[in-house]
Amino acid sequence: MPVVSPFQVAWGGEQHKVLEELARSRTAPLRQVQRARAALAYAEGSANAAVARALGVHLDTVRRWRKRLPPRA
């Protein structure tokens, strides 16, 4: 059973669309693409460790990205 994070994020329709486009981009800087993929994974409820493994980045990097997200309304 996958581990689900207790910190959920929800993106609006337009935000989600922009994130999906950026996550698929082949011309955007790598860090932006990785952060978009991470943000989409957060919206699905993925845990930090799972996101870090999937993106091939350090767990602390994912934690830092998640802290930078805007607070949930």
PDB file of N, CA and C in Angstrom:
ATOM      1  N   MET A   1       0.848  -1.176   0.000  1.00  0.00           N
ATOM      2  CA  MET A   1       0.000   0.000   0.000  1.00  0.00           C
ATOM      3  C   MET A   1       0.895   1.241   0.000  1.00  0.00           C
ATOM      4  N   PRO A   2       0.642   2.210  -0.905  1.00  0.00           N
ATOM      5  CA  PRO A   2       1.482   3.402  -0.968  1.00  0.00           C
ATOM      6  C   PRO A   2       1.268   4.307   0.240  1.00  0.00           C
ATOM      7  N   VAL A   3       2.332   4.982   0.619  1.00  0.00           N
ATOM      8  CA  VAL A   3       2.265   5.925   1.722  1.00  0.00           C
ATOM      9  C   VAL A   3       1.677   7.227   1.195  1.00  0.00           C
ATOM     10  N   VAL A   4       0.706   7.769   1.898  1.00  0.00           N
ATOM     11  CA  VAL A   4       0.044   9.006   1.486  1.00  0.00           C
ATOM     12  C   VAL A   4       0.434  10.110   2.458  1.00  0.00           C
ATOM     13  N   SER A   5       0.787  11.255   1.913  1.00  0.00           N
ATOM     14  CA  SER A   5       1.191  12.383   2.741  1.00  0.00           C
ATOM     15  C   SER A   5      -0.018  13.016   3.414  1.00  0.00           C
ATOM     16  N   PRO A   6       0.145  13.449   4.666  1.00  0.00           N
ATOM     17  CA  PRO A   6      -0.958  14.147   5.334  1.00  0.00           C
ATOM     18  C   PRO A   6      -1.110  15.587   4.851  1.00  0.00           C
ATOM     19  N   PHE A   7      -0.135  16.084   4.098  1.00  0.00           N
ATOM     20  CA  PHE A   7      -0.155  17.461   3.592  1.00  0.00           C
ATOM     21  C   PHE A   7      -0.620  17.449   2.150  1.00  0.00           C
ATOM     22  N   GLN A   8      -1.882  17.732   1.952  1.00  0.00           N
ATOM     23  CA  GLN A   8      -2.485  17.692   0.629  1.00  0.00           C
ATOM     24  C   GLN A   8      -2.486  19.083  -0.006  1.00  0.00           C
ATOM     25  N   VAL A   9      -2.333  19.115  -1.315  1.00  0.00           N
ATOM     26  CA  VAL A   9      -2.463  20.356  -2.065  1.00  0.00           C
ATOM     27  C   VAL A   9      -3.521  20.144  -3.140  1.00  0.00           C
ATOM     28  N   ALA A  10      -4.186  21.205  -3.487  1.00  0.00           N
ATOM     29  CA  ALA A  10      -5.204  21.134  -4.534  1.00  0.00           C
ATOM     30  C   ALA A  10      -4.964  22.280  -5.499  1.00  0.00           C
ATOM     31  N   TRP A  11      -4.864  21.967  -6.761  1.00  0.00           N
ATOM     32  CA  TRP A  11      -4.633  22.982  -7.784  1.00  0.00           C
ATOM     33  C   TRP A  11      -5.928  23.233  -8.524  1.00  0.00           C
ATOM     34  N   GLY A  12      -6.179  24.505  -8.837  1.00  0.00           N
ATOM     35  CA  GLY A  12      -7.340  24.865  -9.634  1.00  0.00           C
ATOM     36  C   GLY A  12      -7.167  24.354 -11.058  1.00  0.00           C
ATOM     37  N   GLY A  13      -8.205  24.384 -11.849  1.00  0.00           N
ATOM     38  CA  GLY A  13      -8.176  23.867 -13.208  1.00  0.00           C
ATOM     39  C   GLY A  13      -7.084  24.474 -14.070  1.00  0.00           C
ATOM     40  N   GLU A  14      -6.947  25.794 -14.041  1.00  0.00           N
ATOM     41  CA  GLU A  14      -5.938  26.464 -14.857  1.00  0.00           C
ATOM     42  C   GLU A  14      -4.530  26.172 -14.334  1.00  0.00           C
ATOM     43  N   GLN A  15      -4.363  26.183 -13.012  1.00  0.00           N
ATOM     44  CA  GLN A  15      -3.054  25.881 -12.424  1.00  0.00           C
ATOM     45  C   GLN A  15      -2.621  24.467 -12.787  1.00  0.00           C
ATOM     46  N   HIS A  16      -3.543  23.535 -12.704  1.00  0.00           N
ATOM     47  CA  HIS A  16      -3.242  22.134 -13.006  1.00  0.00           C
ATOM     48  C   HIS A  16      -2.822  21.987 -14.469  1.00  0.00           C
ATOM     49  N   LYS A  17      -3.514  22.684 -15.341  1.00  0.00           N
ATOM     50  CA  LYS A  17      -3.204  22.626 -16.774  1.00  0.00           C
ATOM     51  C   LYS A  17      -1.799  23.159 -17.044  1.00  0.00           C
ATOM     52  N   VAL A  18      -1.452  24.286 -16.423  1.00  0.00           N
ATOM     53  CA  VAL A  18      -0.121  24.880 -16.604  1.00  0.00           C
ATOM     54  C   VAL A  18       0.953  23.937 -16.066  1.00  0.00           C
ATOM     55  N   LEU A  19       0.704  23.336 -14.916  1.00  0.00           N
ATOM     56  CA  LEU A  19       1.678  22.400 -14.342  1.00  0.00           C
ATOM     57  C   LEU A  19       1.877  21.176 -15.240  1.00  0.00           C
ATOM     58  N   GLU A  20       0.790  20.660 -15.803  1.00  0.00           N
ATOM     59  CA  GLU A  20       0.905  19.503 -16.693  1.00  0.00           C
ATOM     60  C   GLU A  20       1.709  19.847 -17.945  1.00  0.00           C
ATOM     61  N   GLU A  21       1.468  21.027 -18.508  1.00  0.00           N
ATOM     62  CA  GLU A  21       2.220  21.446 -19.693  1.00  0.00           C
ATOM     63  C   GLU A  21       3.706  21.597 -19.372  1.00  0.00           C
ATOM     64  N   LEU A  22       4.001  22.191 -18.231  1.00  0.00           N
ATOM     65  CA  LEU A  22       5.394  22.375 -17.835  1.00  0.00           C
ATOM     66  C   LEU A  22       6.060  21.030 -17.537  1.00  0.00           C
ATOM     67  N   ALA A  23       5.336  20.121 -16.925  1.00  0.00           N
ATOM     68  CA  ALA A  23       5.889  18.806 -16.602  1.00  0.00           C
ATOM     69  C   ALA A  23       6.236  18.013 -17.859  1.00  0.00           C
ATOM     70  N   ARG A  24       5.537  18.281 -18.956  1.00  0.00           N
ATOM     71  CA  ARG A  24       5.805  17.577 -20.222  1.00  0.00           C
ATOM     72  C   ARG A  24       6.792  18.319 -21.119  1.00  0.00           C
ATOM     73  N   SER A  25       7.162  19.532 -20.722  1.00  0.00           N
ATOM     74  CA  SER A  25       8.009  20.368 -21.566  1.00  0.00           C
ATOM     75  C   SER A  25       9.376  19.737 -21.809  1.00  0.00           C
ATOM     76  N   ARG A  26       9.854  19.890 -23.039  1.00  0.00           N
ATOM     77  CA  ARG A  26      11.181  19.400 -23.386  1.00  0.00           C
ATOM     78  C   ARG A  26      12.159  20.553 -23.562  1.00  0.00           C
ATOM     79  N   THR A  27      11.669  21.782 -23.405  1.00  0.00           N
ATOM     80  CA  THR A  27      12.529  22.943 -23.583  1.00  0.00           C
ATOM     81  C   THR A  27      12.681  23.779 -22.308  1.00  0.00           C
ATOM     82  N   ALA A  28      11.845  23.557 -21.319  1.00  0.00           N
ATOM     83  CA  ALA A  28      11.928  24.297 -20.059  1.00  0.00           C
ATOM     84  C   ALA A  28      13.135  23.810 -19.258  1.00  0.00           C
ATOM     85  N   PRO A  29      13.672  24.651 -18.390  1.00  0.00           N
ATOM     86  CA  PRO A  29      14.779  24.218 -17.534  1.00  0.00           C
ATOM     87  C   PRO A  29      14.385  22.996 -16.691  1.00  0.00           C
ATOM     88  N   LEU A  30      15.343  22.104 -16.489  1.00  0.00           N
ATOM     89  CA  LEU A  30      15.087  20.839 -15.790  1.00  0.00           C
ATOM     90  C   LEU A  30      14.465  21.049 -14.419  1.00  0.00           C
ATOM     91  N   ARG A  31      14.964  22.001 -13.649  1.00  0.00           N
ATOM     92  CA  ARG A  31      14.436  22.224 -12.303  1.00  0.00           C
ATOM     93  C   ARG A  31      12.958  22.609 -12.338  1.00  0.00           C
ATOM     94  N   GLN A  32      12.563  23.416 -13.302  1.00  0.00           N
ATOM     95  CA  GLN A  32      11.149  23.792 -13.411  1.00  0.00           C
ATOM     96  C   GLN A  32      10.297  22.583 -13.743  1.00  0.00           C
ATOM     97  N   VAL A  33      10.787  21.744 -14.632  1.00  0.00           N
ATOM     98  CA  VAL A  33      10.050  20.533 -15.006  1.00  0.00           C
ATOM     99  C   VAL A  33       9.927  19.611 -13.792  1.00  0.00           C
ATOM    100  N   GLN A  34      11.020  19.433 -13.057  1.00  0.00           N
ATOM    101  CA  GLN A  34      10.977  18.569 -11.871  1.00  0.00           C
ATOM    102  C   GLN A  34      10.020  19.113 -10.818  1.00  0.00           C
ATOM    103  N   ARG A  35      10.034  20.414 -10.599  1.00  0.00           N
ATOM    104  CA  ARG A  35       9.137  20.998  -9.608  1.00  0.00           C
ATOM    105  C   ARG A  35       7.680  20.860 -10.028  1.00  0.00           C
ATOM    106  N   ALA A  36       7.407  21.000 -11.308  1.00  0.00           N
ATOM    107  CA  ALA A  36       6.035  20.814 -11.794  1.00  0.00           C
ATOM    108  C   ALA A  36       5.593  19.370 -11.583  1.00  0.00           C
ATOM    109  N   ARG A  37       6.472  18.431 -11.889  1.00  0.00           N
ATOM    110  CA  ARG A  37       6.140  17.014 -11.665  1.00  0.00           C
ATOM    111  C   ARG A  37       5.915  16.734 -10.190  1.00  0.00           C
ATOM    112  N   ALA A  38       6.744  17.338  -9.340  1.00  0.00           N
ATOM    113  CA  ALA A  38       6.585  17.161  -7.900  1.00  0.00           C
ATOM    114  C   ALA A  38       5.247  17.733  -7.442  1.00  0.00           C
ATOM    115  N   ALA A  39       4.898  18.923  -7.913  1.00  0.00           N
ATOM    116  CA  ALA A  39       3.638  19.554  -7.519  1.00  0.00           C
ATOM    117  C   ALA A  39       2.442  18.701  -7.924  1.00  0.00           C
ATOM    118  N   LEU A  40       2.508  18.115  -9.116  1.00  0.00           N
ATOM    119  CA  LEU A  40       1.418  17.232  -9.547  1.00  0.00           C
ATOM    120  C   LEU A  40       1.357  15.976  -8.679  1.00  0.00           C
ATOM    121  N   ALA A  41       2.510  15.464  -8.291  1.00  0.00           N
ATOM    122  CA  ALA A  41       2.539  14.286  -7.420  1.00  0.00           C
ATOM    123  C   ALA A  41       1.974  14.629  -6.043  1.00  0.00           C
ATOM    124  N   TYR A  42       2.263  15.846  -5.543  1.00  0.00           N
ATOM    125  CA  TYR A  42       1.696  16.262  -4.259  1.00  0.00           C
ATOM    126  C   TYR A  42       0.180  16.280  -4.338  1.00  0.00           C
ATOM    127  N   ALA A  43      -0.353  16.768  -5.452  1.00  0.00           N
ATOM    128  CA  ALA A  43      -1.805  16.850  -5.616  1.00  0.00           C
ATOM    129  C   ALA A  43      -2.435  15.463  -5.622  1.00  0.00           C
ATOM    130  N   GLU A  44      -1.676  14.460  -6.059  1.00  0.00           N
ATOM    131  CA  GLU A  44      -2.175  13.079  -6.043  1.00  0.00           C
ATOM    132  C   GLU A  44      -2.045  12.447  -4.668  1.00  0.00           C
ATOM    133  N   GLY A  45      -1.368  13.150  -3.739  1.00  0.00           N
ATOM    134  CA  GLY A  45      -1.225  12.634  -2.382  1.00  0.00           C
ATOM    135  C   GLY A  45       0.048  11.858  -2.147  1.00  0.00           C
ATOM    136  N   SER A  46       1.009  11.939  -3.058  1.00  0.00           N
ATOM    137  CA  SER A  46       2.262  11.204  -2.901  1.00  0.00           C
ATOM    138  C   SER A  46       3.090  11.763  -1.756  1.00  0.00           C
ATOM    139  N   ALA A  47       3.797  10.876  -1.080  1.00  0.00           N
ATOM    140  CA  ALA A  47       4.676  11.274   0.016  1.00  0.00           C
ATOM    141  C   ALA A  47       5.977  11.834  -0.539  1.00  0.00           C
ATOM    142  N   ASN A  48       6.672  12.610   0.272  1.00  0.00           N
ATOM    143  CA  ASN A  48       7.932  13.214  -0.147  1.00  0.00           C
ATOM    144  C   ASN A  48       8.939  12.178  -0.625  1.00  0.00           C
ATOM    145  N   ALA A  49       9.073  11.081   0.090  1.00  0.00           N
ATOM    146  CA  ALA A  49      10.052  10.058  -0.272  1.00  0.00           C
ATOM    147  C   ALA A  49       9.728   9.448  -1.634  1.00  0.00           C
ATOM    148  N   ALA A  50       8.469   9.226  -1.908  1.00  0.00           N
ATOM    149  CA  ALA A  50       8.070   8.654  -3.195  1.00  0.00           C
ATOM    150  C   ALA A  50       8.360   9.629  -4.330  1.00  0.00           C
ATOM    151  N   VAL A  51       8.125  10.906  -4.097  1.00  0.00           N
ATOM    152  CA  VAL A  51       8.396  11.932  -5.108  1.00  0.00           C
ATOM    153  C   VAL A  51       9.891  12.008  -5.368  1.00  0.00           C
ATOM    154  N   ALA A  52      10.691  11.987  -4.300  1.00  0.00           N
ATOM    155  CA  ALA A  52      12.141  12.051  -4.444  1.00  0.00           C
ATOM    156  C   ALA A  52      12.665  10.874  -5.261  1.00  0.00           C
ATOM    157  N   ARG A  53      12.173   9.679  -4.979  1.00  0.00           N
ATOM    158  CA  ARG A  53      12.602   8.491  -5.744  1.00  0.00           C
ATOM    159  C   ARG A  53      12.203   8.602  -7.205  1.00  0.00           C
ATOM    160  N   ALA A  54      10.987   9.043  -7.458  1.00  0.00           N
ATOM    161  CA  ALA A  54      10.489   9.123  -8.830  1.00  0.00           C
ATOM    162  C   ALA A  54      11.259  10.152  -9.659  1.00  0.00           C
ATOM    163  N   LEU A  55      11.672  11.243  -9.025  1.00  0.00           N
ATOM    164  CA  LEU A  55      12.363  12.306  -9.748  1.00  0.00           C
ATOM    165  C   LEU A  55      13.875  12.165  -9.714  1.00  0.00           C
ATOM    166  N   GLY A  56      14.370  11.281  -8.865  1.00  0.00           N
ATOM    167  CA  GLY A  56      15.813  11.079  -8.773  1.00  0.00           C
ATOM    168  C   GLY A  56      16.523  12.233  -8.083  1.00  0.00           C
ATOM    169  N   VAL A  57      15.846  12.847  -7.108  1.00  0.00           N
ATOM    170  CA  VAL A  57      16.450  13.939  -6.352  1.00  0.00           C
ATOM    171  C   VAL A  57      16.484  13.554  -4.877  1.00  0.00           C
ATOM    172  N   HIS A  58      17.236  14.306  -4.103  1.00  0.00           N
ATOM    173  CA  HIS A  58      17.369  14.034  -2.677  1.00  0.00           C
ATOM    174  C   HIS A  58      16.071  14.377  -1.949  1.00  0.00           C
ATOM    175  N   LEU A  59      15.791  13.644  -0.912  1.00  0.00           N
ATOM    176  CA  LEU A  59      14.582  13.852  -0.119  1.00  0.00           C
ATOM    177  C   LEU A  59      14.519  15.274   0.437  1.00  0.00           C
ATOM    178  N   ASP A  60      15.641  15.809   0.877  1.00  0.00           N
ATOM    179  CA  ASP A  60      15.647  17.176   1.410  1.00  0.00           C
ATOM    180  C   ASP A  60      15.250  18.201   0.349  1.00  0.00           C
ATOM    181  N   THR A  61      15.591  17.941  -0.896  1.00  0.00           N
ATOM    182  CA  THR A  61      15.206  18.832  -1.991  1.00  0.00           C
ATOM    183  C   THR A  61      13.689  18.868  -2.124  1.00  0.00           C
ATOM    184  N   VAL A  62      13.063  17.714  -2.070  1.00  0.00           N
ATOM    185  CA  VAL A  62      11.607  17.627  -2.183  1.00  0.00           C
ATOM    186  C   VAL A  62      10.943  18.311  -0.982  1.00  0.00           C
ATOM    187  N   ARG A  63      11.508  18.125   0.176  1.00  0.00           N
ATOM    188  CA  ARG A  63      10.953  18.786   1.367  1.00  0.00           C
ATOM    189  C   ARG A  63      11.007  20.306   1.211  1.00  0.00           C
ATOM    190  N   ARG A  64      12.121  20.807   0.703  1.00  0.00           N
ATOM    191  CA  ARG A  64      12.285  22.244   0.498  1.00  0.00           C
ATOM    192  C   ARG A  64      11.261  22.749  -0.509  1.00  0.00           C
ATOM    193  N   TRP A  65      11.062  22.020  -1.602  1.00  0.00           N
ATOM    194  CA  TRP A  65      10.078  22.422  -2.611  1.00  0.00           C
ATOM    195  C   TRP A  65       8.696  22.487  -1.998  1.00  0.00           C
ATOM    196  N   ARG A  66       8.360  21.483  -1.197  1.00  0.00           N
ATOM    197  CA  ARG A  66       7.013  21.432  -0.633  1.00  0.00           C
ATOM    198  C   ARG A  66       6.787  22.589   0.338  1.00  0.00           C
ATOM    199  N   LYS A  67       7.819  22.972   1.078  1.00  0.00           N
ATOM    200  CA  LYS A  67       7.685  24.103   2.007  1.00  0.00           C
ATOM    201  C   LYS A  67       7.425  25.403   1.256  1.00  0.00           C
ATOM    202  N   ARG A  68       7.872  25.501   0.024  1.00  0.00           N
ATOM    203  CA  ARG A  68       7.705  26.725  -0.776  1.00  0.00           C
ATOM    204  C   ARG A  68       6.323  26.859  -1.384  1.00  0.00           C
ATOM    205  N   LEU A  69       5.534  25.816  -1.329  1.00  0.00           N
ATOM    206  CA  LEU A  69       4.189  25.877  -1.891  1.00  0.00           C
ATOM    207  C   LEU A  69       3.351  26.893  -1.136  1.00  0.00           C
ATOM    208  N   PRO A  70       2.429  27.536  -1.841  1.00  0.00           N
ATOM    209  CA  PRO A  70       1.549  28.480  -1.140  1.00  0.00           C
ATOM    210  C   PRO A  70       0.662  27.724  -0.151  1.00  0.00           C
ATOM    211  N   PRO A  71       0.317  28.378   0.949  1.00  0.00           N
ATOM    212  CA  PRO A  71      -0.544  27.700   1.942  1.00  0.00           C
ATOM    213  C   PRO A  71      -1.886  27.361   1.328  1.00  0.00           C
ATOM    214  N   ARG A  72      -2.427  26.262   1.779  1.00  0.00           N
ATOM    215  CA  ARG A  72      -3.730  25.791   1.282  1.00  0.00           C
ATOM    216  C   ARG A  72      -4.838  26.662   1.857  1.00  0.00           C
ATOM    217  N   ALA A  73      -5.712  27.085   0.984  1.00  0.00           N
ATOM    218  CA  ALA A  73      -6.811  27.967   1.415  1.00  0.00           C
ATOM    219  C   ALA A  73      -7.917  27.198   2.082  1.00  0.00           C
TER     220      ALA A  73
END
